[in-house]
PDB file of N, CA and C in Angstrom:
ATOM      1  N   MET A   1     211.261 -91.631 107.369  1.00  0.00           N
ATOM      2  CA  MET A   1     210.276 -90.973 108.272  1.00  0.00           C
ATOM      3  C   MET A   1     210.264 -89.514 107.881  1.00  0.00           C
ATOM      4  N   ASN A   2     209.190 -88.888 108.063  1.00  0.00           N
ATOM      5  CA  ASN A   2     208.935 -87.473 107.812  1.00  0.00           C
ATOM      6  C   ASN A   2     209.937 -86.604 108.538  1.00  0.00           C
ATOM      7  N   ASN A   3     210.615 -85.664 107.823  1.00  0.00           N
ATOM      8  CA  ASN A   3     211.605 -84.805 108.427  1.00  0.00           C
ATOM      9  C   ASN A   3     211.089 -83.986 109.556  1.00  0.00           C
ATOM     10  N   HIS A   4     209.830 -83.485 109.435  1.00  0.00           N
ATOM     11  CA  HIS A   4     209.230 -82.685 110.459  1.00  0.00           C
ATOM     12  C   HIS A   4     209.048 -83.491 111.723  1.00  0.00           C
ATOM     13  N   LYS A   5     208.668 -84.749 111.595  1.00  0.00           N
ATOM     14  CA  LYS A   5     208.473 -85.590 112.776  1.00  0.00           C
ATOM     15  C   LYS A   5     209.816 -85.906 113.486  1.00  0.00           C
ATOM     16  N   VAL A   6     210.864 -86.108 112.672  1.00  0.00           N
ATOM     17  CA  VAL A   6     212.156 -86.366 113.217  1.00  0.00           C
ATOM     18  C   VAL A   6     212.687 -85.103 114.035  1.00  0.00           C
ATOM     19  N   ASP A   7     212.410 -83.938 113.431  1.00  0.00           N
ATOM     20  CA  ASP A   7     212.845 -82.707 114.075  1.00  0.00           C
ATOM     21  C   ASP A   7     212.059 -82.456 115.377  1.00  0.00           C
ATOM     22  N   ARG A   8     210.826 -82.799 115.381  1.00  0.00           N
ATOM     23  CA  ARG A   8     210.010 -82.608 116.567  1.00  0.00           C
ATOM     24  C   ARG A   8     210.459 -83.558 117.704  1.00  0.00           C
ATOM     25  N   ILE A   9     210.727 -84.852 117.305  1.00  0.00           N
ATOM     26  CA  ILE A   9     211.259 -85.792 118.302  1.00  0.00           C
ATOM     27  C   ILE A   9     212.592 -85.322 118.814  1.00  0.00           C
ATOM     28  N   ALA A  10     213.470 -84.832 117.915  1.00  0.00           N
ATOM     29  CA  ALA A  10     214.812 -84.404 118.351  1.00  0.00           C
ATOM     30  C   ALA A  10     214.657 -83.262 119.393  1.00  0.00           C
ATOM     31  N   SER A  11     213.772 -82.373 119.103  1.00  0.00           N
ATOM     32  CA  SER A  11     213.507 -81.235 120.013  1.00  0.00           C
ATOM     33  C   SER A  11     213.055 -81.738 121.343  1.00  0.00           C
ATOM     34  N   ASP A  12     212.129 -82.709 121.320  1.00  0.00           N
ATOM     35  CA  ASP A  12     211.615 -83.272 122.618  1.00  0.00           C
ATOM     36  C   ASP A  12     212.736 -83.953 123.376  1.00  0.00           C
ATOM     37  N   ILE A  13     213.578 -84.693 122.694  1.00  0.00           N
ATOM     38  CA  ILE A  13     214.705 -85.369 123.362  1.00  0.00           C
ATOM     39  C   ILE A  13     215.614 -84.404 124.085  1.00  0.00           C
ATOM     40  N   ILE A  14     215.950 -83.296 123.357  1.00  0.00           N
ATOM     41  CA  ILE A  14     216.833 -82.273 124.035  1.00  0.00           C
ATOM     42  C   ILE A  14     216.170 -81.695 125.245  1.00  0.00           C
ATOM     43  N   LYS A  15     214.887 -81.379 125.121  1.00  0.00           N
ATOM     44  CA  LYS A  15     214.071 -80.765 126.212  1.00  0.00           C
ATOM     45  C   LYS A  15     214.064 -81.699 127.368  1.00  0.00           C
ATOM     46  N   TYR A  16     213.706 -82.964 127.177  1.00  0.00           N
ATOM     47  CA  TYR A  16     213.612 -83.942 128.265  1.00  0.00           C
ATOM     48  C   TYR A  16     214.993 -84.272 128.883  1.00  0.00           C
ATOM     49  N   LEU A  17     215.995 -84.421 128.040  1.00  0.00           N
ATOM     50  CA  LEU A  17     217.349 -84.697 128.608  1.00  0.00           C
ATOM     51  C   LEU A  17     217.892 -83.553 129.399  1.00  0.00           C
ATOM     52  N   SER A  18     217.616 -82.325 128.970  1.00  0.00           N
ATOM     53  CA  SER A  18     218.059 -81.198 129.798  1.00  0.00           C
ATOM     54  C   SER A  18     217.360 -81.236 131.184  1.00  0.00           C
ATOM     55  N   ASN A  19     216.098 -81.505 131.143  1.00  0.00           N
ATOM     56  CA  ASN A  19     215.334 -81.606 132.470  1.00  0.00           C
ATOM     57  C   ASN A  19     215.875 -82.715 133.304  1.00  0.00           C
ATOM     58  N   ILE A  20     216.133 -83.886 132.709  1.00  0.00           N
ATOM     59  CA  ILE A  20     216.603 -85.014 133.458  1.00  0.00           C
ATOM     60  C   ILE A  20     217.991 -84.738 134.109  1.00  0.00           C
ATOM     61  N   ILE A  21     218.855 -84.094 133.315  1.00  0.00           N
ATOM     62  CA  ILE A  21     220.197 -83.809 133.808  1.00  0.00           C
ATOM     63  C   ILE A  21     220.120 -82.825 134.986  1.00  0.00           C
ATOM     64  N   TYR A  22     219.267 -81.843 134.927  1.00  0.00           N
ATOM     65  CA  TYR A  22     219.252 -80.843 135.963  1.00  0.00           C
ATOM     66  C   TYR A  22     218.395 -81.239 137.163  1.00  0.00           C
ATOM     67  N   THR A  23     217.449 -82.165 136.981  1.00  0.00           N
ATOM     68  CA  THR A  23     216.583 -82.511 138.141  1.00  0.00           C
ATOM     69  C   THR A  23     216.857 -83.877 138.789  1.00  0.00           C
ATOM     70  N   GLU A  24     217.308 -84.816 137.956  1.00  0.00           N
ATOM     71  CA  GLU A  24     217.412 -86.218 138.492  1.00  0.00           C
ATOM     72  C   GLU A  24     218.838 -86.674 138.711  1.00  0.00           C
ATOM     73  N   THR A  25     219.848 -86.011 138.225  1.00  0.00           N
ATOM     74  CA  THR A  25     221.227 -86.415 138.405  1.00  0.00           C
ATOM     75  C   THR A  25     221.845 -85.675 139.606  1.00  0.00           C
ATOM     76  N   ARG A  26     222.735 -86.332 140.232  1.00  0.00           N
ATOM     77  CA  ARG A  26     223.484 -85.715 141.360  1.00  0.00           C
ATOM     78  C   ARG A  26     224.939 -85.437 141.020  1.00  0.00           C
ATOM     79  N   ASP A  27     225.310 -85.820 139.822  1.00  0.00           N
ATOM     80  CA  ASP A  27     226.706 -85.646 139.384  1.00  0.00           C
ATOM     81  C   ASP A  27     226.952 -84.181 138.978  1.00  0.00           C
ATOM     82  N   ASP A  28     227.942 -83.482 139.679  1.00  0.00           N
ATOM     83  CA  ASP A  28     228.240 -82.102 139.347  1.00  0.00           C
ATOM     84  C   ASP A  28     228.751 -81.960 137.919  1.00  0.00           C
ATOM     85  N   LEU A  29     229.406 -82.948 137.398  1.00  0.00           N
ATOM     86  CA  LEU A  29     229.956 -82.840 136.049  1.00  0.00           C
ATOM     87  C   LEU A  29     228.785 -82.832 135.027  1.00  0.00           C
ATOM     88  N   LEU A  30     227.748 -83.671 135.207  1.00  0.00           N
ATOM     89  CA  LEU A  30     226.613 -83.656 134.364  1.00  0.00           C
ATOM     90  C   LEU A  30     225.878 -82.319 134.485  1.00  0.00           C
ATOM     91  N   LYS A  31     225.757 -81.781 135.704  1.00  0.00           N
ATOM     92  CA  LYS A  31     225.008 -80.495 135.832  1.00  0.00           C
ATOM     93  C   LYS A  31     225.747 -79.387 135.298  1.00  0.00           C
ATOM     94  N   SER A  32     227.050 -79.516 134.967  1.00  0.00           N
ATOM     95  CA  SER A  32     227.819 -78.409 134.449  1.00  0.00           C
ATOM     96  C   SER A  32     227.726 -78.319 132.887  1.00  0.00           C
ATOM     97  N   ILE A  33     227.025 -79.298 132.253  1.00  0.00           N
ATOM     98  CA  ILE A  33     226.932 -79.300 130.802  1.00  0.00           C
ATOM     99  C   ILE A  33     225.669 -78.577 130.347  1.00  0.00           C
ATOM    100  N   THR A  34     225.759 -78.048 129.132  1.00  0.00           N
ATOM    101  CA  THR A  34     224.601 -77.426 128.413  1.00  0.00           C
ATOM    102  C   THR A  34     224.470 -78.104 127.123  1.00  0.00           C
ATOM    103  N   LEU A  35     223.263 -78.663 126.844  1.00  0.00           N
ATOM    104  CA  LEU A  35     222.984 -79.284 125.516  1.00  0.00           C
ATOM    105  C   LEU A  35     222.840 -78.213 124.514  1.00  0.00           C
ATOM    106  N   THR A  36     223.563 -78.363 123.363  1.00  0.00           N
ATOM    107  CA  THR A  36     223.441 -77.265 122.380  1.00  0.00           C
ATOM    108  C   THR A  36     222.766 -77.651 121.068  1.00  0.00           C
ATOM    109  N   ASP A  37     222.831 -78.920 120.773  1.00  0.00           N
ATOM    110  CA  ASP A  37     222.228 -79.426 119.490  1.00  0.00           C
ATOM    111  C   ASP A  37     222.114 -80.928 119.463  1.00  0.00           C
ATOM    112  N   ILE A  38     221.365 -81.468 118.508  1.00  0.00           N
ATOM    113  CA  ILE A  38     221.186 -82.867 118.388  1.00  0.00           C
ATOM    114  C   ILE A  38     221.060 -83.233 116.932  1.00  0.00           C
ATOM    115  N   LYS A  39     221.672 -84.321 116.530  1.00  0.00           N
ATOM    116  CA  LYS A  39     221.514 -84.891 115.204  1.00  0.00           C
ATOM    117  C   LYS A  39     220.918 -86.288 115.412  1.00  0.00           C
ATOM    118  N   LEU A  40     219.699 -86.408 114.949  1.00  0.00           N
ATOM    119  CA  LEU A  40     218.953 -87.681 115.140  1.00  0.00           C
ATOM    120  C   LEU A  40     218.808 -88.371 113.787  1.00  0.00           C
ATOM    121  N   SER A  41     219.139 -89.648 113.782  1.00  0.00           N
ATOM    122  CA  SER A  41     219.034 -90.439 112.512  1.00  0.00           C
ATOM    123  C   SER A  41     217.525 -90.529 112.143  1.00  0.00           C
ATOM    124  N   LYS A  42     217.317 -90.694 110.846  1.00  0.00           N
ATOM    125  CA  LYS A  42     215.981 -90.708 110.349  1.00  0.00           C
ATOM    126  C   LYS A  42     215.119 -91.939 110.874  1.00  0.00           C
ATOM    127  N   ASP A  43     215.848 -92.972 111.212  1.00  0.00           N
ATOM    128  CA  ASP A  43     215.117 -94.123 111.778  1.00  0.00           C
ATOM    129  C   ASP A  43     215.039 -94.095 113.304  1.00  0.00           C
ATOM    130  N   LEU A  44     215.461 -92.999 113.862  1.00  0.00           N
ATOM    131  CA  LEU A  44     215.421 -92.727 115.302  1.00  0.00           C
ATOM    132  C   LEU A  44     216.219 -93.770 116.143  1.00  0.00           C
ATOM    133  N   SER A  45     217.222 -94.340 115.577  1.00  0.00           N
ATOM    134  CA  SER A  45     217.985 -95.330 116.336  1.00  0.00           C
ATOM    135  C   SER A  45     219.288 -94.780 116.954  1.00  0.00           C
ATOM    136  N   TYR A  46     219.694 -93.574 116.535  1.00  0.00           N
ATOM    137  CA  TYR A  46     220.901 -92.995 117.023  1.00  0.00           C
ATOM    138  C   TYR A  46     220.863 -91.552 117.162  1.00  0.00           C
ATOM    139  N   ALA A  47     221.256 -90.971 118.290  1.00  0.00           N
ATOM    140  CA  ALA A  47     221.243 -89.523 118.507  1.00  0.00           C
ATOM    141  C   ALA A  47     222.626 -89.095 118.881  1.00  0.00           C
ATOM    142  N   LYS A  48     223.170 -88.137 118.158  1.00  0.00           N
ATOM    143  CA  LYS A  48     224.460 -87.494 118.492  1.00  0.00           C
ATOM    144  C   LYS A  48     224.065 -86.146 119.139  1.00  0.00           C
ATOM    145  N   ILE A  49     224.471 -86.049 120.417  1.00  0.00           N
ATOM    146  CA  ILE A  49     224.028 -84.861 121.173  1.00  0.00           C
ATOM    147  C   ILE A  49     225.270 -84.007 121.476  1.00  0.00           C
ATOM    148  N   PHE A  50     225.204 -82.749 121.019  1.00  0.00           N
ATOM    149  CA  PHE A  50     226.308 -81.835 121.275  1.00  0.00           C
ATOM    150  C   PHE A  50     226.132 -81.016 122.539  1.00  0.00           C
ATOM    151  N   PHE A  51     227.245 -80.850 123.321  1.00  0.00           N
ATOM    152  CA  PHE A  51     227.142 -80.120 124.552  1.00  0.00           C
ATOM    153  C   PHE A  51     228.379 -79.278 124.800  1.00  0.00           C
ATOM    154  N   THR A  52     228.259 -78.362 125.688  1.00  0.00           N
ATOM    155  CA  THR A  52     229.434 -77.537 126.186  1.00  0.00           C
ATOM    156  C   THR A  52     229.397 -77.677 127.659  1.00  0.00           C
ATOM    157  N   SER A  53     230.522 -77.280 128.304  1.00  0.00           N
ATOM    158  CA  SER A  53     230.648 -77.348 129.745  1.00  0.00           C
ATOM    159  C   SER A  53     231.414 -76.142 130.259  1.00  0.00           C
ATOM    160  N   ILE A  54     231.102 -75.792 131.515  1.00  0.00           N
ATOM    161  CA  ILE A  54     231.759 -74.660 132.136  1.00  0.00           C
ATOM    162  C   ILE A  54     233.018 -75.083 132.936  1.00  0.00           C
ATOM    163  N   LEU A  55     233.230 -76.392 133.026  1.00  0.00           N
ATOM    164  CA  LEU A  55     234.368 -76.897 133.773  1.00  0.00           C
ATOM    165  C   LEU A  55     235.691 -76.673 133.051  1.00  0.00           C
ATOM    166  N   ASP A  56     236.742 -76.484 133.804  1.00  0.00           N
ATOM    167  CA  ASP A  56     238.129 -76.425 133.216  1.00  0.00           C
ATOM    168  C   ASP A  56     238.720 -77.754 133.272  1.00  0.00           C
ATOM    169  N   MET A  57     238.214 -78.711 132.512  1.00  0.00           N
ATOM    170  CA  MET A  57     238.746 -80.004 132.382  1.00  0.00           C
ATOM    171  C   MET A  57     239.000 -80.218 130.878  1.00  0.00           C
ATOM    172  N   PRO A  58     239.906 -81.151 130.565  1.00  0.00           N
ATOM    173  CA  PRO A  58     240.101 -81.399 129.072  1.00  0.00           C
ATOM    174  C   PRO A  58     238.765 -81.959 128.523  1.00  0.00           C
ATOM    175  N   LYS A  59     238.416 -81.524 127.281  1.00  0.00           N
ATOM    176  CA  LYS A  59     237.114 -81.852 126.679  1.00  0.00           C
ATOM    177  C   LYS A  59     236.991 -83.407 126.540  1.00  0.00           C
ATOM    178  N   GLU A  60     238.126 -84.080 126.301  1.00  0.00           N
ATOM    179  CA  GLU A  60     238.073 -85.512 126.121  1.00  0.00           C
ATOM    180  C   GLU A  60     237.586 -86.208 127.388  1.00  0.00           C
ATOM    181  N   ASP A  61     238.050 -85.693 128.545  1.00  0.00           N
ATOM    182  CA  ASP A  61     237.662 -86.247 129.877  1.00  0.00           C
ATOM    183  C   ASP A  61     236.162 -86.050 130.161  1.00  0.00           C
ATOM    184  N   ILE A  62     235.759 -84.816 129.850  1.00  0.00           N
ATOM    185  CA  ILE A  62     234.297 -84.522 130.013  1.00  0.00           C
ATOM    186  C   ILE A  62     233.468 -85.384 129.120  1.00  0.00           C
ATOM    187  N   GLU A  63     233.873 -85.472 127.860  1.00  0.00           N
ATOM    188  CA  GLU A  63     233.086 -86.276 126.861  1.00  0.00           C
ATOM    189  C   GLU A  63     233.057 -87.742 127.380  1.00  0.00           C
ATOM    190  N   LYS A  64     234.136 -88.214 127.867  1.00  0.00           N
ATOM    191  CA  LYS A  64     234.181 -89.677 128.283  1.00  0.00           C
ATOM    192  C   LYS A  64     233.196 -89.854 129.539  1.00  0.00           C
ATOM    193  N   GLU A  65     233.251 -88.992 130.467  1.00  0.00           N
ATOM    194  CA  GLU A  65     232.359 -89.028 131.621  1.00  0.00           C
ATOM    195  C   GLU A  65     230.934 -88.951 131.266  1.00  0.00           C
ATOM    196  N   VAL A  66     230.549 -88.016 130.363  1.00  0.00           N
ATOM    197  CA  VAL A  66     229.185 -87.860 129.994  1.00  0.00           C
ATOM    198  C   VAL A  66     228.676 -89.101 129.198  1.00  0.00           C
ATOM    199  N   ASN A  67     229.520 -89.627 128.339  1.00  0.00           N
ATOM    200  CA  ASN A  67     229.162 -90.861 127.583  1.00  0.00           C
ATOM    201  C   ASN A  67     228.967 -92.053 128.521  1.00  0.00           C
ATOM    202  N   GLU A  68     229.722 -92.036 129.628  1.00  0.00           N
ATOM    203  CA  GLU A  68     229.522 -93.179 130.595  1.00  0.00           C
ATOM    204  C   GLU A  68     228.173 -93.119 131.274  1.00  0.00           C
ATOM    205  N   ALA A  69     227.580 -91.852 131.402  1.00  0.00           N
ATOM    206  CA  ALA A  69     226.288 -91.738 131.976  1.00  0.00           C
ATOM    207  C   ALA A  69     225.133 -91.923 130.908  1.00  0.00           C
ATOM    208  N   ALA A  70     225.501 -92.073 129.614  1.00  0.00           N
ATOM    209  CA  ALA A  70     224.539 -92.155 128.553  1.00  0.00           C
ATOM    210  C   ALA A  70     223.470 -93.285 128.760  1.00  0.00           C
ATOM    211  N   PRO A  71     223.913 -94.489 129.175  1.00  0.00           N
ATOM    212  CA  PRO A  71     222.858 -95.515 129.405  1.00  0.00           C
ATOM    213  C   PRO A  71     221.846 -95.149 130.487  1.00  0.00           C
ATOM    214  N   TYR A  72     222.312 -94.516 131.543  1.00  0.00           N
ATOM    215  CA  TYR A  72     221.443 -94.036 132.595  1.00  0.00           C
ATOM    216  C   TYR A  72     220.472 -92.975 132.069  1.00  0.00           C
ATOM    217  N   LEU A  73     220.950 -91.998 131.313  1.00  0.00           N
ATOM    218  CA  LEU A  73     220.187 -91.021 130.823  1.00  0.00           C
ATOM    219  C   LEU A  73     219.122 -91.554 129.767  1.00  0.00           C
ATOM    220  N   ARG A  74     219.562 -92.552 128.979  1.00  0.00           N
ATOM    221  CA  ARG A  74     218.667 -93.181 128.015  1.00  0.00           C
ATOM    222  C   ARG A  74     217.522 -93.882 128.779  1.00  0.00           C
ATOM    223  N   GLY A  75     217.824 -94.508 129.854  1.00  0.00           N
ATOM    224  CA  GLY A  75     216.808 -95.153 130.649  1.00  0.00           C
ATOM    225  C   GLY A  75     215.753 -94.170 131.245  1.00  0.00           C
ATOM    226  N   CYS A  76     216.324 -93.084 131.705  1.00  0.00           N
ATOM    227  CA  CYS A  76     215.404 -91.993 132.261  1.00  0.00           C
ATOM    228  C   CYS A  76     214.566 -91.405 131.155  1.00  0.00           C
ATOM    229  N   LEU A  77     215.142 -91.264 129.943  1.00  0.00           N
ATOM    230  CA  LEU A  77     214.506 -90.720 128.787  1.00  0.00           C
ATOM    231  C   LEU A  77     213.316 -91.632 128.408  1.00  0.00           C
ATOM    232  N   ALA A  78     213.550 -92.980 128.517  1.00  0.00           N
ATOM    233  CA  ALA A  78     212.511 -93.907 128.081  1.00  0.00           C
ATOM    234  C   ALA A  78     211.302 -93.804 128.998  1.00  0.00           C
ATOM    235  N   LYS A  79     211.423 -93.320 130.200  1.00  0.00           N
ATOM    236  CA  LYS A  79     210.302 -93.200 131.129  1.00  0.00           C
ATOM    237  C   LYS A  79     209.394 -91.998 130.809  1.00  0.00           C
ATOM    238  N   VAL A  80     210.028 -90.969 130.097  1.00  0.00           N
ATOM    239  CA  VAL A  80     209.230 -89.754 129.940  1.00  0.00           C
ATOM    240  C   VAL A  80     208.835 -89.427 128.484  1.00  0.00           C
ATOM    241  N   ILE A  81     209.472 -90.043 127.504  1.00  0.00           N
ATOM    242  CA  ILE A  81     209.161 -89.767 126.135  1.00  0.00           C
ATOM    243  C   ILE A  81     208.399 -90.925 125.573  1.00  0.00           C
ATOM    244  N   GLU A  82     207.479 -90.669 124.721  1.00  0.00           N
ATOM    245  CA  GLU A  82     206.589 -91.726 124.221  1.00  0.00           C
ATOM    246  C   GLU A  82     206.939 -92.044 122.767  1.00  0.00           C
ATOM    247  N   ILE A  83     208.000 -92.738 122.563  1.00  0.00           N
ATOM    248  CA  ILE A  83     208.351 -93.328 121.251  1.00  0.00           C
ATOM    249  C   ILE A  83     208.657 -94.780 121.444  1.00  0.00           C
ATOM    250  N   ARG A  84     208.522 -95.575 120.453  1.00  0.00           N
ATOM    251  CA  ARG A  84     208.695 -96.986 120.529  1.00  0.00           C
ATOM    252  C   ARG A  84     210.133 -97.387 120.950  1.00  0.00           C
ATOM    253  N   ASN A  85     211.109 -96.872 120.254  1.00  0.00           N
ATOM    254  CA  ASN A  85     212.494 -97.172 120.537  1.00  0.00           C
ATOM    255  C   ASN A  85     213.291 -95.930 120.871  1.00  0.00           C
ATOM    256  N   ILE A  86     213.913 -95.954 122.059  1.00  0.00           N
ATOM    257  CA  ILE A  86     214.749 -94.830 122.461  1.00  0.00           C
ATOM    258  C   ILE A  86     216.094 -94.917 121.720  1.00  0.00           C
ATOM    259  N   PRO A  87     216.506 -93.827 121.101  1.00  0.00           N
ATOM    260  CA  PRO A  87     217.766 -93.850 120.331  1.00  0.00           C
ATOM    261  C   PRO A  87     219.003 -94.045 121.282  1.00  0.00           C
ATOM    262  N   GLU A  88     220.041 -94.664 120.737  1.00  0.00           N
ATOM    263  CA  GLU A  88     221.300 -94.750 121.408  1.00  0.00           C
ATOM    264  C   GLU A  88     221.859 -93.303 121.480  1.00  0.00           C
ATOM    265  N   LEU A  89     222.355 -92.921 122.651  1.00  0.00           N
ATOM    266  CA  LEU A  89     222.845 -91.573 122.877  1.00  0.00           C
ATOM    267  C   LEU A  89     224.362 -91.556 122.818  1.00  0.00           C
ATOM    268  N   LYS A  90     224.903 -90.650 121.974  1.00  0.00           N
ATOM    269  CA  LYS A  90     226.309 -90.367 121.910  1.00  0.00           C
ATOM    270  C   LYS A  90     226.527 -88.865 122.101  1.00  0.00           C
ATOM    271  N   PHE A  91     227.320 -88.521 123.120  1.00  0.00           N
ATOM    272  CA  PHE A  91     227.547 -87.120 123.449  1.00  0.00           C
ATOM    273  C   PHE A  91     228.902 -86.689 122.855  1.00  0.00           C
ATOM    274  N   VAL A  92     228.848 -85.580 122.255  1.00  0.00           N
ATOM    275  CA  VAL A  92     230.020 -84.952 121.580  1.00  0.00           C
ATOM    276  C   VAL A  92     230.257 -83.537 122.038  1.00  0.00           C
ATOM    277  N   TYR A  93     231.415 -83.186 122.473  1.00  0.00           N
ATOM    278  CA  TYR A  93     231.714 -81.856 122.909  1.00  0.00           C
ATOM    279  C   TYR A  93     231.642 -80.858 121.791  1.00  0.00           C
ATOM    280  N   ASP A  94     230.875 -79.785 121.967  1.00  0.00           N
ATOM    281  CA  ASP A  94     230.611 -78.819 120.867  1.00  0.00           C
ATOM    282  C   ASP A  94     231.634 -77.730 121.020  1.00  0.00           C
ATOM    283  N   GLU A  95     232.443 -77.583 119.998  1.00  0.00           N
ATOM    284  CA  GLU A  95     233.534 -76.579 120.027  1.00  0.00           C
ATOM    285  C   GLU A  95     233.177 -75.306 119.279  1.00  0.00           C
ATOM    286  N   THR A  96     231.913 -75.136 118.852  1.00  0.00           N
ATOM    287  CA  THR A  96     231.609 -73.982 118.062  1.00  0.00           C
ATOM    288  C   THR A  96     231.686 -72.674 118.885  1.00  0.00           C
ATOM    289  N   ILE A  97     231.389 -72.714 120.136  1.00  0.00           N
ATOM    290  CA  ILE A  97     231.463 -71.451 120.972  1.00  0.00           C
ATOM    291  C   ILE A  97     232.888 -71.043 121.143  1.00  0.00           C
ATOM    292  N   ALA A  98     233.824 -71.997 121.382  1.00  0.00           N
ATOM    293  CA  ALA A  98     235.236 -71.696 121.556  1.00  0.00           C
ATOM    294  C   ALA A  98     235.793 -71.192 120.191  1.00  0.00           C
ATOM    295  N   TYR A  99     235.364 -71.776 119.079  1.00  0.00           N
ATOM    296  CA  TYR A  99     235.842 -71.395 117.787  1.00  0.00           C
ATOM    297  C   TYR A  99     235.313 -69.959 117.496  1.00  0.00           C
ATOM    298  N   ALA A 100     234.100 -69.659 117.792  1.00  0.00           N
ATOM    299  CA  ALA A 100     233.512 -68.324 117.571  1.00  0.00           C
ATOM    300  C   ALA A 100     234.292 -67.264 118.391  1.00  0.00           C
ATOM    301  N   THR A 101     234.623 -67.599 119.653  1.00  0.00           N
ATOM    302  CA  THR A 101     235.388 -66.766 120.501  1.00  0.00           C
ATOM    303  C   THR A 101     236.760 -66.452 119.948  1.00  0.00           C
ATOM    304  N   LYS A 102     237.389 -67.523 119.409  1.00  0.00           N
ATOM    305  CA  LYS A 102     238.729 -67.361 118.819  1.00  0.00           C
ATOM    306  C   LYS A 102     238.678 -66.438 117.553  1.00  0.00           C
ATOM    307  N   ILE A 103     237.695 -66.654 116.747  1.00  0.00           N
ATOM    308  CA  ILE A 103     237.528 -65.787 115.526  1.00  0.00           C
ATOM    309  C   ILE A 103     237.248 -64.349 115.925  1.00  0.00           C
ATOM    310  N   GLU A 104     236.396 -64.137 116.960  1.00  0.00           N
ATOM    311  CA  GLU A 104     236.103 -62.783 117.357  1.00  0.00           C
ATOM    312  C   GLU A 104     237.375 -62.099 117.889  1.00  0.00           C
ATOM    313  N   LYS A 105     238.197 -62.863 118.641  1.00  0.00           N
ATOM    314  CA  LYS A 105     239.450 -62.284 119.133  1.00  0.00           C
ATOM    315  C   LYS A 105     240.375 -61.833 117.959  1.00  0.00           C
ATOM    316  N   ILE A 106     240.463 -62.699 117.002  1.00  0.00           N
ATOM    317  CA  ILE A 106     241.295 -62.404 115.825  1.00  0.00           C
ATOM    318  C   ILE A 106     240.799 -61.195 115.122  1.00  0.00           C
ATOM    319  N   ILE A 107     239.475 -61.041 114.926  1.00  0.00           N
ATOM    320  CA  ILE A 107     238.888 -59.914 114.218  1.00  0.00           C
ATOM    321  C   ILE A 107     239.168 -58.630 115.043  1.00  0.00           C
ATOM    322  N   ASN A 108     239.023 -58.741 116.358  1.00  0.00           N
ATOM    323  CA  ASN A 108     239.358 -57.546 117.213  1.00  0.00           C
ATOM    324  C   ASN A 108     240.743 -57.113 117.117  1.00  0.00           C
ATOM    325  N   GLU A 109     241.672 -58.107 117.026  1.00  0.00           N
ATOM    326  CA  GLU A 109     243.116 -57.764 116.897  1.00  0.00           C
ATOM    327  C   GLU A 109     243.389 -57.122 115.583  1.00  0.00           C
ATOM    328  N   ILE A 110     242.758 -57.572 114.553  1.00  0.00           N
ATOM    329  CA  ILE A 110     242.947 -56.979 113.214  1.00  0.00           C
ATOM    330  C   ILE A 110     242.426 -55.516 113.164  1.00  0.00           C
ATOM    331  N   ASN A 111     241.296 -55.312 113.777  1.00  0.00           N
ATOM    332  CA  ASN A 111     240.683 -53.955 113.779  1.00  0.00           C
ATOM    333  C   ASN A 111     241.514 -52.951 114.611  1.00  0.00           C
ATOM    334  N   LYS A 112     242.324 -53.370 115.508  1.00  0.00           N
ATOM    335  CA  LYS A 112     243.134 -52.467 116.373  1.00  0.00           C
ATOM    336  C   LYS A 112     244.336 -52.096 115.516  1.00  0.00           C
TER     337      LYS A 112
END
């Protein structure tokens, strides 16, 4: 499939999922996450969605809880997005922000 089309669909999935999470869910854990990126397979069958959270819980627990809600989110996504097959959703905790903060702290310590 055309890369441009896959990128457009990936962008739409993130936009719609963010809206679904904040407007249609009542779970405080889901409302605490922020979607940061998506990797969508070329055949649109699988989507790996990266997220962060403001909660002070172990990332494994948050990831497990969000992935348990994935079938519900996929069903809601099917109602609002117009593609033939809705991809399977896999949520992965995004550690890039924590990593960047750690690197910044190290650089600041070196500069002192």
